[in-house]
């Protein structure tokens, strides 16, 4: 399962990872910056996501929209930000590799000279509008904010969502945003992968030519994260929203990305709520008609994760019924663990999803993206086999132990999202949720 690659670190600290795949005349260029919303601070949130937008607005030597020249050459391109990292990628015909490297290097090294007040104000408005569309005006859109705000204390870097608080975005000043860029968007805080129809020697030569003279910058400040200790008592919250059907969210602290039991809880989520044969779907949706939908996930993050179960009440059903049914299914799992059939299915599904991510050389997922992920989080780009082994070595007993240790009712945050004016539909003793 390992992907062959060449690794080289430039003098300025930039890691360059090269993977040759000559099956198709395309090349994927992928850059990860080890910066996300966890590198922000209270009162100054949303900066990492704001730069996801600003990085497409032109740099000193190409001060126009970033998409046009690459799309004209036949490229696909995009970017994304989460709590732990920011990435940008292009998939280009082989003869456009140099163009993609030049564009990426220019915005890494020369974005700020082209960052004007007008661009800053425009993209800030774009982000505020995105926040309104994706969170404030979207049914159940504020639930995620309420969950993380309850799971983590206000000074914890996971207390806010990646998009940031509206008041922080509105109050941001361009000098603060510039300083955030100077601190984090540096070669020494980045990993560049080039995957596809390339020769390693030529790709390394081009990487050195375009990125080698960029300033490494100062050492990256460490993330000061207070310990998110497991909750010792249940927290019950209620959020009124413009929705028709009540929905319940349950969330627990869980192990960090790649930590022991992280993979097991991925598989627990698979057994509980993936597909129509899963336990929660079969019990809540198919047999008892308590819910219209149900989902579970292990939300893996670098310094601490959370496990979540979400279910929407069917018409005429209550959140009290849903909570009891979900709790019963989790308790049954803790008592008896998964069956042999469930283990076979969840392992096969995990392996299939792992392989699917590696079908392409680039994009969201793909071999270049995965090389960067392992390199940024673990410093080990060749972690493919060991990553897959986490899932292959999981047993029924280890899944049962993970659920028993982390999915205890006393340590959960439970959120009721109810239609406006119907707080009586929430679970008893629920306090108003806090959202920013």
Protein backbone atom coordinates (compact mmCIF):
# COMPACT_ATOMS: atom_id res chain seq x y z
CA UNK A 1 0.00 0.00 0.00
CA UNK A 2 2.96 2.34 0.38
CA UNK A 3 3.35 5.01 -2.28
CA UNK A 4 6.94 5.40 -3.56
CA UNK A 5 8.25 8.94 -3.15
CA UNK A 6 11.36 11.09 -2.91
CA UNK A 7 11.68 13.54 -0.02
CA UNK A 8 13.90 16.61 0.06
CA UNK A 9 14.00 19.54 2.45
CA UNK A 10 15.04 22.90 1.01
CA UNK A 11 17.38 25.16 2.96
CA UNK A 12 14.41 27.35 3.95
CA UNK A 13 12.67 24.38 5.59
CA UNK A 14 10.14 23.54 2.86
CA UNK A 15 9.55 19.79 2.57
CA UNK A 16 9.24 18.62 -1.04
CA UNK A 17 7.67 15.21 -1.70
CA UNK A 18 7.79 13.73 -5.22
CA UNK A 19 5.74 10.75 -6.39
CA UNK A 20 6.06 9.56 -10.00
CA UNK A 21 3.02 8.02 -11.70
CA UNK A 22 3.23 7.94 -15.50
CA UNK A 23 -0.15 6.33 -16.15
CA UNK A 24 -1.71 9.64 -17.18
CA UNK A 25 -0.06 12.88 -18.42
CA UNK A 26 -1.13 14.96 -15.45
CA UNK A 27 0.60 16.30 -12.35
CA UNK A 28 -0.89 17.20 -8.98
CA UNK A 29 0.71 20.07 -7.05
CA UNK A 30 -0.39 20.15 -3.43
CA UNK A 31 0.69 22.55 -0.67
CA UNK A 32 -0.16 22.11 3.00
CA UNK A 33 0.43 24.87 5.53
CA UNK A 34 0.44 23.68 9.13
CA UNK A 35 -2.00 26.37 10.17
CA UNK A 36 -5.72 26.30 10.86
CA UNK A 37 -8.22 27.85 13.18
CA UNK A 38 -6.46 26.31 16.19
CA UNK A 39 -3.59 28.76 15.56
CA UNK A 40 -5.92 31.70 16.20
CA UNK A 41 -6.83 33.19 19.57
CA UNK A 42 -10.07 34.28 21.23
CA UNK A 43 -11.31 37.55 19.77
CA UNK A 44 -9.25 37.05 16.61
CA UNK A 45 -10.82 34.02 14.94
CA UNK A 46 -11.47 33.24 11.29
CA UNK A 47 -8.07 34.41 9.99
CA UNK A 48 -6.96 31.05 8.55
CA UNK A 49 -10.21 30.66 6.63
CA UNK A 50 -10.02 34.27 5.45
CA UNK A 51 -6.65 33.50 3.87
CA UNK A 52 -8.16 30.57 2.03
CA UNK A 53 -10.01 33.29 0.12
CA UNK A 54 -7.26 35.91 -0.04
CA UNK A 55 -4.76 33.45 -1.50
CA UNK A 56 -6.86 33.26 -4.67
CA UNK A 57 -6.91 37.03 -5.19
CA UNK A 58 -3.47 37.51 -6.74
CA UNK A 59 0.11 38.06 -5.58
CA UNK A 60 2.85 40.51 -6.42
CA UNK A 61 3.89 39.06 -9.78
CA UNK A 62 0.40 38.01 -10.88
CA UNK A 63 -1.98 40.48 -9.30
CA UNK A 64 -5.20 39.06 -10.68
CA UNK A 65 -7.57 36.20 -10.01
CA UNK A 66 -5.68 32.95 -9.44
CA UNK A 67 -8.04 30.62 -11.34
CA UNK A 68 -7.87 32.00 -14.88
CA UNK A 69 -4.31 31.18 -16.04
CA UNK A 70 -4.40 27.69 -14.57
CA UNK A 71 -7.86 26.84 -15.89
CA UNK A 72 -6.80 28.17 -19.29
CA UNK A 73 -4.03 25.56 -19.18
CA UNK A 74 -6.58 22.83 -18.37
CA UNK A 75 -6.17 22.69 -14.59
CA UNK A 76 -8.50 21.80 -11.77
CA UNK A 77 -7.73 23.67 -8.54
CA UNK A 78 -9.14 24.49 -5.13
CA UNK A 79 -8.25 24.84 -1.46
CA UNK A 80 -9.64 24.23 2.00
CA UNK A 81 -9.08 25.07 5.65
CA UNK A 82 -9.88 23.21 8.84
CA UNK A 83 -8.90 23.45 12.47
CA UNK A 84 -5.41 22.02 11.91
CA UNK A 85 -4.22 22.81 8.38
CA UNK A 86 -4.75 24.77 5.17
CA UNK A 87 -4.19 23.21 1.76
CA UNK A 88 -4.17 24.34 -1.85
CA UNK A 89 -3.94 22.11 -4.88
CA UNK A 90 -3.83 22.10 -8.67
CA UNK A 91 -4.09 19.15 -11.04
CA UNK A 92 -2.55 20.22 -14.35
CA UNK A 93 -1.45 18.69 -17.64
CA UNK A 94 2.21 17.69 -17.35
CA UNK A 95 3.37 20.59 -19.50
CA UNK A 96 1.76 23.10 -17.08
CA UNK A 97 3.68 21.94 -13.99
CA UNK A 98 6.01 24.92 -14.08
CA UNK A 99 3.07 27.32 -14.25
CA UNK A 100 1.48 25.73 -11.17
CA UNK A 101 4.74 25.85 -9.21
CA UNK A 102 5.33 29.48 -10.14
CA UNK A 103 1.81 30.47 -9.07
CA UNK A 104 2.06 28.60 -5.76
CA UNK A 105 5.49 30.00 -4.96
CA UNK A 106 4.44 33.54 -5.72
CA UNK A 107 1.55 33.52 -3.31
CA UNK A 108 3.68 31.81 -0.66
CA UNK A 109 6.44 34.38 -0.91
CA UNK A 110 4.83 37.50 -2.37
CA UNK A 111 1.17 37.67 -1.38
CA UNK A 112 1.38 40.63 0.99
CA UNK A 113 2.60 43.25 -1.53
CA UNK A 114 -0.62 42.61 -3.47
CA UNK A 115 -2.93 42.52 -0.41
CA UNK A 116 -4.73 45.84 -0.59
CA UNK A 117 -7.41 47.31 1.65
CA UNK A 118 -9.92 46.81 -1.17
CA UNK A 119 -9.15 43.07 -1.50
CA UNK A 120 -9.23 42.63 2.25
CA UNK A 121 -12.60 44.35 2.63
CA UNK A 122 -14.07 42.47 -0.33
CA UNK A 123 -13.04 39.04 0.89
CA UNK A 124 -14.07 39.80 4.45
CA UNK A 125 -17.56 40.56 3.11
CA UNK A 126 -17.46 37.31 1.12
CA UNK A 127 -16.59 35.34 4.26
CA UNK A 128 -19.32 37.04 6.30
CA UNK A 129 -21.82 36.21 3.56
CA UNK A 130 -20.57 32.60 3.46
CA UNK A 131 -21.07 32.43 7.21
CA UNK A 132 -24.64 33.64 6.86
CA UNK A 133 -25.38 31.14 4.09
CA UNK A 134 -23.65 28.10 5.57
CA UNK A 135 -24.33 28.62 9.27
CA UNK A 136 -26.63 31.43 10.37
CA UNK A 137 -29.38 30.96 7.75
CA UNK A 138 -29.01 27.22 7.23
CA UNK A 139 -31.27 24.85 9.17
CA UNK A 140 -29.32 23.36 12.08
CA UNK A 141 -26.32 25.40 10.90
CA UNK A 142 -25.40 26.77 14.32
CA UNK A 143 -25.43 23.38 16.05
CA UNK A 144 -21.75 22.71 15.34
CA UNK A 145 -20.79 26.00 16.99
CA UNK A 146 -22.83 25.13 20.05
CA UNK A 147 -21.22 21.68 20.31
CA UNK A 148 -17.58 22.82 20.17
CA UNK A 149 -18.28 25.77 22.47
CA UNK A 150 -19.63 23.33 25.06
CA UNK A 151 -16.90 20.72 24.61
CA UNK A 152 -13.95 23.10 24.91
CA UNK A 153 -13.28 26.02 27.27
CA UNK A 154 -13.19 29.54 25.76
CA UNK A 155 -9.38 29.68 25.65
CA UNK A 156 -9.06 26.30 23.91
CA UNK A 157 -8.18 26.51 20.17
CA UNK A 158 -11.03 24.16 19.24
CA UNK A 159 -13.65 26.30 21.02
CA UNK A 160 -14.62 27.98 17.71
CA UNK A 161 -15.34 26.76 14.20
CA UNK A 162 -12.92 27.36 11.34
CA UNK A 163 -15.03 30.11 9.80
CA UNK A 164 -14.66 32.16 12.98
CA UNK A 165 -17.01 34.40 14.93
CA UNK A 166 -18.86 37.05 12.95
CA UNK A 167 -17.83 39.83 15.32
CA UNK A 168 -14.16 38.78 15.06
CA UNK A 169 -14.23 38.80 11.26
CA UNK A 170 -15.95 42.19 11.20
CA UNK A 171 -13.45 43.65 13.69
CA UNK A 172 -10.31 42.28 11.98
CA UNK A 173 -7.75 44.87 10.85
CA UNK A 174 -5.56 44.42 7.82
CA UNK A 175 -2.35 44.82 9.83
CA UNK A 176 -3.39 41.90 12.08
CA UNK A 177 -4.20 39.78 9.04
CA UNK A 178 -0.83 40.60 7.46
CA UNK A 179 0.96 39.58 10.64
CA UNK A 180 -0.94 36.27 10.71
CA UNK A 181 0.27 35.55 7.18
CA UNK A 182 3.88 36.48 7.97
CA UNK A 183 3.80 34.12 10.94
CA UNK A 184 2.34 30.97 9.41
CA UNK A 185 2.44 30.95 5.60
CA UNK A 186 6.15 30.21 5.35
CA UNK A 187 8.25 27.50 3.66
CA UNK A 188 9.33 26.23 7.07
CA UNK A 189 5.66 25.67 7.98
CA UNK A 190 4.67 24.06 4.68
CA UNK A 191 4.87 20.80 2.78
CA UNK A 192 4.82 20.63 -1.04
CA UNK A 193 3.94 17.43 -2.88
CA UNK A 194 4.28 16.91 -6.63
CA UNK A 195 2.62 13.71 -7.80
CA UNK A 196 2.06 12.37 -11.28
CA UNK A 197 3.79 12.32 -14.64
CA UNK A 198 7.12 13.78 -13.51
CA UNK A 199 10.73 12.72 -13.13
CA UNK A 200 11.88 13.20 -9.52
CA UNK A 201 15.11 14.97 -10.47
CA UNK A 202 13.33 17.49 -12.70
CA UNK A 203 10.55 18.08 -10.16
CA UNK A 204 13.08 18.73 -7.39
CA UNK A 205 15.00 21.10 -9.65
CA UNK A 206 11.83 23.09 -10.35
CA UNK A 207 10.84 23.14 -6.69
CA UNK A 208 14.26 24.47 -5.76
CA UNK A 209 14.11 27.06 -8.53
CA UNK A 210 10.70 28.43 -7.56
CA UNK A 211 10.65 28.00 -3.79
CA UNK A 212 14.29 27.85 -2.76
CA UNK A 213 14.87 31.59 -2.40
CA UNK A 214 11.77 32.27 -0.26
CA UNK A 215 12.40 33.47 3.28
CA UNK A 216 11.97 30.72 5.86
CA UNK A 217 10.58 33.18 8.40
CA UNK A 218 10.73 33.03 12.17
CA UNK A 219 10.06 29.84 14.17
CA UNK A 220 6.35 29.04 14.35
CA UNK A 221 4.86 29.75 17.79
CA UNK A 222 3.52 26.64 19.52
CA UNK A 223 -0.20 26.16 20.01
CA UNK A 224 -0.99 26.77 23.65
CA UNK A 225 -3.86 24.38 24.25
CA UNK A 226 -5.24 23.85 27.74
CA UNK A 227 -6.00 20.22 28.42
CA UNK A 228 -9.54 19.33 27.36
CA UNK A 229 -10.23 16.95 30.22
CA UNK A 230 -13.10 14.47 29.81
CA UNK A 231 -16.30 15.85 31.19
CA UNK A 232 -17.30 14.59 34.61
CA UNK A 233 -20.98 15.35 34.13
CA UNK A 234 -23.42 15.55 31.28
CA UNK A 235 -24.14 18.97 29.71
CA UNK A 236 -27.63 19.48 28.29
CA UNK A 237 -28.24 22.37 25.89
CA UNK A 238 -31.07 23.67 23.75
CA UNK A 239 -30.89 25.76 20.59
CA UNK A 240 -33.94 27.29 18.92
CA UNK A 241 -33.71 27.40 15.13
CA UNK A 242 -35.83 27.83 12.01
CA UNK A 243 -36.43 24.13 11.56
CA UNK A 244 -39.47 21.89 11.27
CA UNK A 245 -38.21 18.77 13.02
CA UNK A 246 -36.31 18.59 16.31
CA UNK A 247 -32.80 17.12 16.11
CA UNK A 248 -30.52 15.69 18.79
CA UNK A 249 -26.72 15.91 18.91
CA UNK A 250 -24.57 13.87 21.28
CA UNK A 251 -20.84 14.56 21.50
CA UNK A 252 -17.97 13.18 23.57
CA UNK A 253 -14.24 14.00 23.82
CA UNK A 254 -12.24 11.31 22.03
CA UNK A 255 -8.59 10.51 21.16
CA UNK A 256 -6.57 12.75 18.87
CA UNK A 257 -5.80 11.92 15.26
CA UNK A 258 -3.58 8.81 15.04
CA UNK A 259 -3.70 8.30 18.82
CA UNK A 260 -4.71 4.94 20.34
CA UNK A 261 -8.45 4.23 19.87
CA UNK A 262 -8.83 6.92 17.15
CA UNK A 263 -9.18 4.21 14.50
CA UNK A 264 -11.37 2.08 16.75
CA UNK A 265 -13.85 4.92 17.20
CA UNK A 266 -13.93 5.42 13.43
CA UNK A 267 -15.03 1.80 13.21
CA UNK A 268 -17.51 2.19 16.07
CA UNK A 269 -19.14 5.01 14.12
CA UNK A 270 -19.25 2.72 11.08
CA UNK A 271 -21.01 -0.05 13.01
CA UNK A 272 -23.44 2.32 14.69
CA UNK A 273 -24.62 4.48 11.82
CA UNK A 274 -23.08 3.75 8.41
CA UNK A 275 -25.59 2.35 5.95
CA UNK A 276 -29.02 0.83 6.31
CA UNK A 277 -27.74 -2.26 8.10
CA UNK A 278 -26.09 -0.24 10.87
CA UNK A 279 -27.43 -0.52 14.39
CA UNK A 280 -28.81 2.99 14.81
CA UNK A 281 -30.34 3.18 11.33
CA UNK A 282 -31.99 -0.19 11.68
CA UNK A 283 -33.36 0.55 15.17
CA UNK A 284 -34.29 4.24 14.85
CA UNK A 285 -35.25 4.66 11.21
CA UNK A 286 -36.31 1.27 9.88
CA UNK A 287 -37.82 -0.63 12.81
CA UNK A 288 -39.17 1.96 15.24
CA UNK A 289 -39.60 4.94 12.88
CA UNK A 290 -38.27 7.31 15.54
CA UNK A 291 -35.93 9.21 13.22
CA UNK A 292 -35.77 10.34 9.62
CA UNK A 293 -31.97 10.12 9.58
CA UNK A 294 -29.07 9.26 11.83
CA UNK A 295 -25.30 9.64 11.58
CA UNK A 296 -22.21 9.02 13.70
CA UNK A 297 -18.61 10.14 13.24
CA UNK A 298 -15.21 10.27 14.88
CA UNK A 299 -14.13 13.85 14.15
CA UNK A 300 -10.36 13.34 14.28
CA UNK A 301 -8.20 16.38 15.06
CA UNK A 302 -4.57 16.93 15.85
CA UNK A 303 -4.70 17.79 19.56
CA UNK A 304 -8.00 16.15 20.51
CA UNK A 305 -11.07 14.82 18.73
CA UNK A 306 -14.76 14.41 19.41
CA UNK A 307 -17.18 11.60 18.65
CA UNK A 308 -20.68 12.62 17.60
CA UNK A 309 -24.09 11.06 17.00
CA UNK A 310 -26.83 13.08 15.26
CA UNK A 311 -30.46 12.10 14.69
CA UNK A 312 -33.51 13.99 13.41
CA UNK A 313 -36.84 13.12 14.99
CA UNK A 314 -39.53 11.74 12.72
CA UNK A 315 -42.85 13.64 12.68
CA UNK A 316 -44.76 12.90 15.86
CA UNK A 317 -41.72 11.56 17.67
CA UNK A 318 -39.84 13.21 20.52
CA UNK A 319 -36.22 13.84 21.39
CA UNK A 320 -36.79 11.98 24.64
CA UNK A 321 -37.57 8.85 22.63
CA UNK A 322 -34.55 9.41 20.40
CA UNK A 323 -32.16 9.95 23.31
CA UNK A 324 -33.32 6.80 25.04
CA UNK A 325 -33.08 4.69 21.90
CA UNK A 326 -29.59 5.95 21.01
CA UNK A 327 -28.37 5.46 24.57
CA UNK A 328 -29.76 1.91 24.59
CA UNK A 329 -27.95 1.01 21.36
CA UNK A 330 -24.65 2.45 22.58
CA UNK A 331 -25.02 0.65 25.90
CA UNK A 332 -25.74 -2.63 24.09
CA UNK A 333 -22.59 -2.10 22.03
CA UNK A 334 -20.54 -1.44 25.17
CA UNK A 335 -21.91 -4.58 26.83
CA UNK A 336 -21.55 -7.01 23.92
CA UNK A 337 -19.28 -5.36 21.36
CA UNK A 338 -19.62 -5.77 17.60
CA UNK A 339 -20.52 -9.08 15.99
CA UNK A 340 -18.16 -10.93 13.67
CA UNK A 341 -20.24 -9.83 10.70
CA UNK A 342 -20.11 -6.19 11.82
CA UNK A 343 -16.34 -6.39 12.24
CA UNK A 344 -15.91 -7.84 8.77
CA UNK A 345 -18.11 -5.14 7.27
CA UNK A 346 -16.56 -2.16 9.05
CA UNK A 347 -13.00 -3.31 8.34
CA UNK A 348 -13.83 -3.82 4.67
CA UNK A 349 -15.47 -0.41 4.48
CA UNK A 350 -12.48 1.28 6.13
CA UNK A 351 -10.07 -0.41 3.72
CA UNK A 352 -12.23 0.50 0.73
CA UNK A 353 -12.38 4.14 1.76
CA UNK A 354 -8.60 4.12 2.26
CA UNK A 355 -8.03 2.79 -1.25
CA UNK A 356 -10.59 5.16 -2.80
CA UNK A 357 -8.59 8.12 -1.48
CA UNK A 358 -5.58 6.90 -3.43
CA UNK A 359 -7.26 6.39 -6.80
CA UNK A 360 -6.10 9.79 -8.06
CA UNK A 361 -2.80 11.63 -7.83
CA UNK A 362 -4.34 14.85 -6.52
CA UNK A 363 -7.31 16.94 -5.53
CA UNK A 364 -9.10 16.57 -2.20
CA UNK A 365 -7.62 13.23 -1.25
CA UNK A 366 -5.33 11.57 -3.75
CA UNK A 367 -1.78 10.39 -3.30
CA UNK A 368 -0.19 13.83 -3.19
CA UNK A 369 -2.66 15.07 -0.60
CA UNK A 370 -2.16 12.01 1.60
CA UNK A 371 1.63 12.30 1.44
CA UNK A 372 1.32 15.85 2.74
CA UNK A 373 -1.13 14.83 5.47
CA UNK A 374 1.21 12.22 6.90
CA UNK A 375 4.18 14.54 6.56
CA UNK A 376 2.54 17.51 8.29
CA UNK A 377 0.92 15.63 11.15
CA UNK A 378 3.46 12.85 11.71
CA UNK A 379 6.62 13.82 9.85
CA UNK A 380 6.33 10.43 8.13
CA UNK A 381 5.09 10.65 4.51
CA UNK A 382 5.39 6.85 4.22
CA UNK A 383 2.76 6.16 6.89
CA UNK A 384 0.30 4.49 4.48
CA UNK A 385 0.78 0.88 5.61
CA UNK A 386 0.85 1.80 9.29
CA UNK A 387 -2.29 3.91 8.92
CA UNK A 388 -4.19 1.07 7.27
CA UNK A 389 -2.82 -1.35 9.86
CA UNK A 390 -4.59 0.65 12.60
CA UNK A 391 -7.90 -0.49 11.12
CA UNK A 392 -6.84 -4.00 10.13
CA UNK A 393 -5.55 -4.73 13.63
CA UNK A 394 -8.65 -3.44 15.41
CA UNK A 395 -10.62 -6.18 17.12
CA UNK A 396 -14.10 -6.58 18.52
CA UNK A 397 -12.59 -6.26 21.98
CA UNK A 398 -10.72 -3.03 21.16
CA UNK A 399 -13.87 -1.46 19.67
CA UNK A 400 -15.81 -2.46 22.76
CA UNK A 401 -13.08 -1.00 25.00
CA UNK A 402 -13.02 2.27 23.04
CA UNK A 403 -16.78 2.69 23.30
CA UNK A 404 -16.75 1.81 26.99
CA UNK A 405 -14.00 4.30 27.76
CA UNK A 406 -15.18 7.27 25.70
CA UNK A 407 -18.96 7.02 25.10
CA UNK A 408 -20.17 7.21 28.67
CA UNK A 409 -23.46 9.09 29.26
CA UNK A 410 -21.93 11.07 32.13
CA UNK A 411 -19.29 12.64 29.87
CA UNK A 412 -21.41 13.70 26.93
CA UNK A 413 -22.67 17.01 25.62
CA UNK A 414 -26.23 16.63 24.40
CA UNK A 415 -27.86 19.36 22.31
CA UNK A 416 -31.53 19.66 21.41
CA UNK A 417 -32.23 21.75 18.31
CA UNK A 418 -35.91 22.68 18.28
CA UNK A 419 -38.20 24.97 16.27
CA UNK A 420 -38.50 28.54 17.53
CA UNK A 421 -40.94 28.81 20.41
CA UNK A 422 -40.90 25.07 21.12
CA UNK A 423 -38.34 24.72 23.88
CA UNK A 424 -40.66 22.23 25.53
CA UNK A 425 -39.59 19.79 22.78
CA UNK A 426 -36.03 19.82 24.13
CA UNK A 427 -34.70 17.33 26.63
CA UNK A 428 -35.37 18.25 30.25
CA UNK A 429 -32.98 20.53 32.13
CA UNK A 430 -31.40 21.91 28.95
CA UNK A 431 -29.70 25.30 29.22
CA UNK A 432 -29.59 27.75 26.28
CA UNK A 433 -26.66 26.97 23.97
CA UNK A 434 -23.94 29.55 23.33
CA UNK A 435 -23.13 30.38 19.70
CA UNK A 436 -20.86 33.12 18.33
